[in-house]
């Protein structure tokens, strides 16, 4: 039985971006994982096309769940998790890709060895469009307190709650039961920020482990965290987000609301396939593994 489920949350997904995200699963050198596609009331969910594409590449443990009516990413995640039976989940959105062909095998090794409750790796940011290209960026800004060998829970809590030094939701790994409990708490209070759960975990003293390995390509510029219109609409979550952490916590009572990230894509073009782009970045990969965006030759940092 698989130990890890890839949960892909979507709302009005861009067909090409969704196809490329699925292609990153198809190129994995293991099939020891499950997939859950969670749609948030889109007119076109591409479930049939997604199932057919994955089946053609030997990925058959696939569930599709649809939330009706549209309820936001928190309720969409809550709904998707009900279809998950594995101990851990890894979260993606259309437009985000696993970094290379060995990413899931590497994650399975870490889960088996370390059994983290919440974990993330390094991210490679890229700008989408007709000419996809890497851009500078990685979250959080201060990564030192997440080192599993020298974890600093107090600094993690301060950085997340007081400094709003958040972590990208793309490629995050959670214990399913832990994330389900968080979504149940947040549903009805927070609409768009499902990965605000990290703030809750920091307050609860749950370790959030960072691994020094590139694990995901993150589509920069199209989600709640990096799109100006989406960010402005997310401020309404402020007070509810803080209430989820608990107003009586010394950390939360001293800070404004900590905005966080959710990756969503809009639009609804026809189903398309293939990969586009292929370039280098200012950071070198940890090894010479094949990347979904082609080789990334080492350059100056």
Protein backbone atom coordinates (compact mmCIF):
# COMPACT_ATOMS: atom_id res chain seq x y z
CA UNK A 1 0.00 0.00 0.00
CA UNK A 2 1.38 3.46 -0.88
CA UNK A 3 2.47 5.76 1.94
CA UNK A 4 2.16 9.03 -0.03
CA UNK A 5 -0.68 10.67 -1.97
CA UNK A 6 -0.15 13.58 -4.34
CA UNK A 7 -3.07 15.98 -3.77
CA UNK A 8 -3.59 18.38 -6.68
CA UNK A 9 -6.02 21.18 -5.88
CA UNK A 10 -7.51 23.06 -8.82
CA UNK A 11 -10.01 25.75 -9.65
CA UNK A 12 -10.72 26.61 -13.29
CA UNK A 13 -7.42 24.92 -14.17
CA UNK A 14 -5.37 25.92 -17.18
CA UNK A 15 -5.39 22.73 -19.24
CA UNK A 16 -1.79 23.01 -20.37
CA UNK A 17 -0.49 23.74 -16.88
CA UNK A 18 -2.47 20.81 -15.46
CA UNK A 19 -1.13 18.49 -18.16
CA UNK A 20 2.46 19.49 -17.40
CA UNK A 21 1.93 18.95 -13.67
CA UNK A 22 0.63 15.45 -14.43
CA UNK A 23 3.57 14.86 -16.77
CA UNK A 24 5.90 15.52 -13.84
CA UNK A 25 4.16 12.62 -12.06
CA UNK A 26 4.38 10.42 -15.15
CA UNK A 27 8.15 10.92 -15.37
CA UNK A 28 8.76 9.68 -11.81
CA UNK A 29 10.89 6.55 -11.52
CA UNK A 30 8.46 5.00 -9.02
CA UNK A 31 4.75 4.26 -9.07
CA UNK A 32 4.54 3.79 -5.30
CA UNK A 33 2.14 6.68 -4.75
CA UNK A 34 -1.53 7.60 -5.09
CA UNK A 35 -3.12 10.69 -6.64
CA UNK A 36 -6.17 12.70 -5.60
CA UNK A 37 -7.45 15.49 -7.85
CA UNK A 38 -9.61 17.96 -5.95
CA UNK A 39 -11.65 20.45 -7.94
CA UNK A 40 -13.32 23.50 -6.41
CA UNK A 41 -16.48 23.74 -8.50
CA UNK A 42 -14.89 24.45 -11.90
CA UNK A 43 -17.12 24.39 -14.98
CA UNK A 44 -14.48 22.17 -16.64
CA UNK A 45 -12.48 19.91 -14.33
CA UNK A 46 -10.65 17.72 -16.91
CA UNK A 47 -11.09 14.70 -14.63
CA UNK A 48 -11.60 12.25 -17.50
CA UNK A 49 -8.60 13.57 -19.42
CA UNK A 50 -6.41 13.53 -16.32
CA UNK A 51 -7.36 9.96 -15.43
CA UNK A 52 -6.72 8.78 -18.99
CA UNK A 53 -3.34 10.51 -19.15
CA UNK A 54 -2.17 9.07 -15.83
CA UNK A 55 -3.45 5.57 -16.66
CA UNK A 56 -1.56 5.68 -19.95
CA UNK A 57 1.60 6.20 -17.91
CA UNK A 58 0.92 3.41 -15.42
CA UNK A 59 -0.56 5.55 -12.63
CA UNK A 60 -3.88 3.96 -11.71
CA UNK A 61 -4.38 4.71 -8.02
CA UNK A 62 -6.24 7.94 -8.82
CA UNK A 63 -9.27 9.49 -7.11
CA UNK A 64 -11.21 12.56 -8.24
CA UNK A 65 -13.39 14.62 -5.91
CA UNK A 66 -15.41 17.72 -6.72
CA UNK A 67 -16.57 20.38 -4.28
CA UNK A 68 -19.91 21.93 -5.17
CA UNK A 69 -20.50 24.78 -4.94
CA UNK A 70 -17.12 26.49 -5.04
CA UNK A 71 -15.90 26.93 -1.46
CA UNK A 72 -12.26 28.06 -1.60
CA UNK A 73 -9.00 26.20 -1.16
CA UNK A 74 -9.47 25.30 2.51
CA UNK A 75 -12.76 23.49 1.87
CA UNK A 76 -11.36 22.04 -1.34
CA UNK A 77 -8.44 20.55 0.57
CA UNK A 78 -10.75 19.36 3.33
CA UNK A 79 -12.90 17.60 0.72
CA UNK A 80 -9.90 16.10 -1.13
CA UNK A 81 -8.37 14.70 2.05
CA UNK A 82 -11.47 12.61 2.67
CA UNK A 83 -10.43 10.50 -0.33
CA UNK A 84 -6.86 9.98 0.96
CA UNK A 85 -5.93 6.74 2.73
CA UNK A 86 -2.13 7.14 2.93
CA UNK A 87 -0.20 8.44 5.95
CA UNK A 88 1.29 11.43 4.10
CA UNK A 89 0.19 13.86 1.39
CA UNK A 90 2.19 16.09 -0.92
CA UNK A 91 0.35 19.14 -2.24
CA UNK A 92 0.56 20.65 -5.72
CA UNK A 93 -1.49 22.91 -7.98
CA UNK A 94 -1.66 23.01 -11.78
CA UNK A 95 1.46 24.82 -12.94
CA UNK A 96 3.71 23.47 -10.17
CA UNK A 97 5.95 20.51 -10.96
CA UNK A 98 8.02 17.95 -9.09
CA UNK A 99 11.63 18.93 -9.61
CA UNK A 100 13.06 15.83 -11.28
CA UNK A 101 12.39 12.16 -12.04
CA UNK A 102 13.66 10.98 -8.63
CA UNK A 103 11.78 13.45 -6.43
CA UNK A 104 9.07 11.09 -5.20
CA UNK A 105 11.49 8.21 -4.60
CA UNK A 106 13.63 10.61 -2.57
CA UNK A 107 10.61 11.79 -0.55
CA UNK A 108 9.58 8.20 0.18
CA UNK A 109 13.05 7.54 1.55
CA UNK A 110 12.89 10.55 3.83
CA UNK A 111 9.41 9.69 5.06
CA UNK A 112 10.48 6.16 5.85
CA UNK A 113 13.67 7.28 7.62
CA UNK A 114 12.49 10.41 9.46
CA UNK A 115 8.68 10.20 9.65
CA UNK A 116 8.26 14.02 9.60
CA UNK A 117 4.84 15.42 10.45
CA UNK A 118 5.32 18.45 8.17
CA UNK A 119 8.18 18.89 5.72
CA UNK A 120 9.33 20.80 2.66
CA UNK A 121 12.33 21.02 0.36
CA UNK A 122 13.95 23.72 -1.71
CA UNK A 123 11.93 25.37 -4.47
CA UNK A 124 12.99 26.48 -7.95
CA UNK A 125 10.85 29.47 -8.97
CA UNK A 126 9.95 30.05 -12.61
CA UNK A 127 7.85 32.58 -14.53
CA UNK A 128 5.23 30.92 -16.77
CA UNK A 129 4.11 32.06 -20.19
CA UNK A 130 5.29 31.65 -23.76
CA UNK A 131 8.91 31.77 -22.58
CA UNK A 132 9.09 30.07 -19.16
CA UNK A 133 12.26 30.98 -17.32
CA UNK A 134 13.68 30.63 -13.81
CA UNK A 135 13.41 33.64 -11.52
CA UNK A 136 15.09 34.30 -8.16
CA UNK A 137 13.14 33.21 -5.14
CA UNK A 138 12.80 30.68 -2.38
CA UNK A 139 10.79 30.52 0.81
CA UNK A 140 11.13 31.07 3.65
CA UNK A 141 13.68 33.90 3.64
CA UNK A 142 15.23 32.64 6.87
CA UNK A 143 15.67 28.90 6.41
CA UNK A 144 18.16 28.19 9.18
CA UNK A 145 15.69 27.42 12.03
CA UNK A 146 14.08 24.62 9.98
CA UNK A 147 17.28 22.55 9.79
CA UNK A 148 16.28 19.16 11.26
CA UNK A 149 19.65 18.86 13.00
CA UNK A 150 19.26 22.24 14.76
CA UNK A 151 15.52 22.90 14.75
CA UNK A 152 14.56 26.13 16.55
CA UNK A 153 10.83 26.06 17.28
CA UNK A 154 10.80 29.51 18.88
CA UNK A 155 12.42 31.19 15.88
CA UNK A 156 10.14 29.33 13.47
CA UNK A 157 7.10 30.58 15.38
CA UNK A 158 8.44 34.14 15.47
CA UNK A 159 9.29 34.15 11.76
CA UNK A 160 5.92 32.80 10.65
CA UNK A 161 3.71 34.86 12.95
CA UNK A 162 5.57 38.13 13.52
CA UNK A 163 7.68 38.49 10.38
CA UNK A 164 5.27 36.80 7.94
CA UNK A 165 8.19 34.78 6.57
CA UNK A 166 5.96 32.13 5.07
CA UNK A 167 6.61 28.92 3.18
CA UNK A 168 5.31 28.22 -0.32
CA UNK A 169 2.50 25.68 -0.32
CA UNK A 170 3.82 24.00 -3.48
CA UNK A 171 5.36 20.64 -2.69
CA UNK A 172 4.66 20.68 1.06
CA UNK A 173 4.37 17.26 2.71
CA UNK A 174 2.03 16.69 5.67
CA UNK A 175 0.76 13.84 7.75
CA UNK A 176 -2.74 13.41 6.38
CA UNK A 177 -4.45 13.24 9.77
CA UNK A 178 -2.66 16.37 10.95
CA UNK A 179 -3.65 18.36 7.87
CA UNK A 180 -7.23 17.05 8.02
CA UNK A 181 -7.59 18.30 11.59
CA UNK A 182 -6.24 21.70 10.57
CA UNK A 183 -8.63 21.96 7.61
CA UNK A 184 -11.56 21.03 9.84
CA UNK A 185 -10.56 23.84 12.19
CA UNK A 186 -10.10 26.40 9.43
CA UNK A 187 -13.10 25.54 7.23
CA UNK A 188 -15.79 28.18 7.51
CA UNK A 189 -13.29 30.69 8.90
CA UNK A 190 -10.55 30.85 6.26
CA UNK A 191 -11.36 30.59 2.57
CA UNK A 192 -8.20 30.75 0.47
CA UNK A 193 -5.21 30.04 2.67
CA UNK A 194 -5.02 26.30 3.28
CA UNK A 195 -1.30 26.44 3.97
CA UNK A 196 -1.92 28.92 6.77
CA UNK A 197 -2.06 25.67 8.71
CA UNK A 198 1.73 26.03 9.05
CA UNK A 199 1.16 28.95 11.42
CA UNK A 200 -1.13 26.78 13.49
CA UNK A 201 1.43 24.00 13.59
CA UNK A 202 4.13 26.44 14.71
CA UNK A 203 1.91 27.62 17.58
CA UNK A 204 1.18 24.01 18.50
CA UNK A 205 4.90 23.18 18.60
CA UNK A 206 4.78 20.75 15.67
CA UNK A 207 8.12 20.55 13.90
CA UNK A 208 8.23 21.79 10.29
CA UNK A 209 11.29 20.18 8.71
CA UNK A 210 13.20 21.60 5.77
CA UNK A 211 15.37 19.40 3.56
CA UNK A 212 18.23 20.84 1.54
CA UNK A 213 17.14 19.25 -1.71
CA UNK A 214 15.34 20.80 -4.68
CA UNK A 215 11.92 19.17 -4.79
CA UNK A 216 9.55 21.42 -6.78
CA UNK A 217 9.29 23.95 -9.58
CA UNK A 218 7.02 26.73 -8.34
CA UNK A 219 5.00 28.79 -10.82
CA UNK A 220 5.60 32.37 -9.74
CA UNK A 221 3.08 35.11 -10.58
CA UNK A 222 -0.23 33.28 -10.92
CA UNK A 223 -1.31 32.44 -7.39
CA UNK A 224 -2.69 34.09 -4.28
CA UNK A 225 0.79 34.75 -2.92
CA UNK A 226 2.28 36.39 -6.01
CA UNK A 227 -0.64 37.91 -7.92
CA UNK A 228 -1.56 41.46 -6.83
CA UNK A 229 -5.32 41.07 -7.29
CA UNK A 230 -5.40 37.78 -5.42
CA UNK A 231 -3.30 39.18 -2.59
CA UNK A 232 -5.63 42.16 -2.14
CA UNK A 233 -8.62 39.83 -1.94
CA UNK A 234 -6.92 37.63 0.65
CA UNK A 235 -6.71 40.28 3.38
CA UNK A 236 -10.25 39.53 4.47
CA UNK A 237 -8.90 36.29 5.95
CA UNK A 238 -6.92 38.23 8.57
CA UNK A 239 -8.96 38.05 11.74
CA UNK A 240 -10.19 34.48 11.13
CA UNK A 241 -6.62 33.31 10.52
CA UNK A 242 -5.49 34.75 13.83
CA UNK A 243 -8.45 33.23 15.65
CA UNK A 244 -7.46 29.81 14.32
CA UNK A 245 -4.07 30.19 16.02
CA UNK A 246 -5.67 31.49 19.19
CA UNK A 247 -5.77 35.12 20.28
CA UNK A 248 -4.42 34.21 23.69
CA UNK A 249 -1.10 33.03 22.28
CA UNK A 250 1.63 35.58 23.09
CA UNK A 251 3.00 35.24 19.56
CA UNK A 252 -0.28 35.87 17.74
CA UNK A 253 -1.48 38.65 20.01
CA UNK A 254 1.48 40.85 19.04
CA UNK A 255 1.26 40.59 15.27
CA UNK A 256 -0.98 41.59 12.41
CA UNK A 257 -2.53 38.85 10.34
CA UNK A 258 0.04 36.64 8.66
CA UNK A 259 -0.83 36.42 4.98
CA UNK A 260 0.10 33.20 3.28
CA UNK A 261 0.25 31.50 -0.06
CA UNK A 262 -2.04 29.44 -2.24
CA UNK A 263 -1.24 28.62 -5.83
CA UNK A 264 -4.14 28.75 -8.27
CA UNK A 265 -4.36 29.18 -11.99
CA UNK A 266 -7.22 30.71 -13.95
CA UNK A 267 -8.48 30.36 -17.48
CA UNK A 268 -9.87 27.40 -19.34
CA UNK A 269 -8.17 26.81 -22.72
CA UNK A 270 -8.41 23.56 -24.61
CA UNK A 271 -6.54 20.50 -23.39
CA UNK A 272 -2.94 20.61 -24.58
CA UNK A 273 0.21 18.66 -23.92
CA UNK A 274 3.96 18.83 -24.08
CA UNK A 275 6.60 20.64 -22.11
CA UNK A 276 7.79 24.14 -22.80
CA UNK A 277 10.91 25.90 -21.71
CA UNK A 278 14.23 24.61 -20.52
CA UNK A 279 16.80 26.87 -18.98
CA UNK A 280 19.28 27.39 -16.22
CA UNK A 281 19.02 29.05 -12.84
CA UNK A 282 21.37 30.77 -10.46
CA UNK A 283 21.24 27.76 -8.15
CA UNK A 284 22.68 24.40 -9.13
CA UNK A 285 20.67 21.18 -8.63
CA UNK A 286 21.84 18.76 -5.96
CA UNK A 287 22.86 16.23 -8.61
CA UNK A 288 22.67 15.59 -12.33
CA UNK A 289 19.15 14.20 -12.26
CA UNK A 290 16.85 14.89 -15.17
CA UNK A 291 14.63 17.89 -14.47
CA UNK A 292 11.18 18.47 -15.91
CA UNK A 293 12.44 21.79 -17.29
CA UNK A 294 15.59 20.32 -18.76
CA UNK A 295 19.17 20.64 -17.50
CA UNK A 296 20.11 23.42 -15.10
CA UNK A 297 23.85 24.04 -15.56
CA UNK A 298 25.65 25.43 -12.54
CA UNK A 299 26.07 29.19 -12.53
CA UNK A 300 27.38 31.73 -10.09
CA UNK A 301 25.28 32.32 -6.99
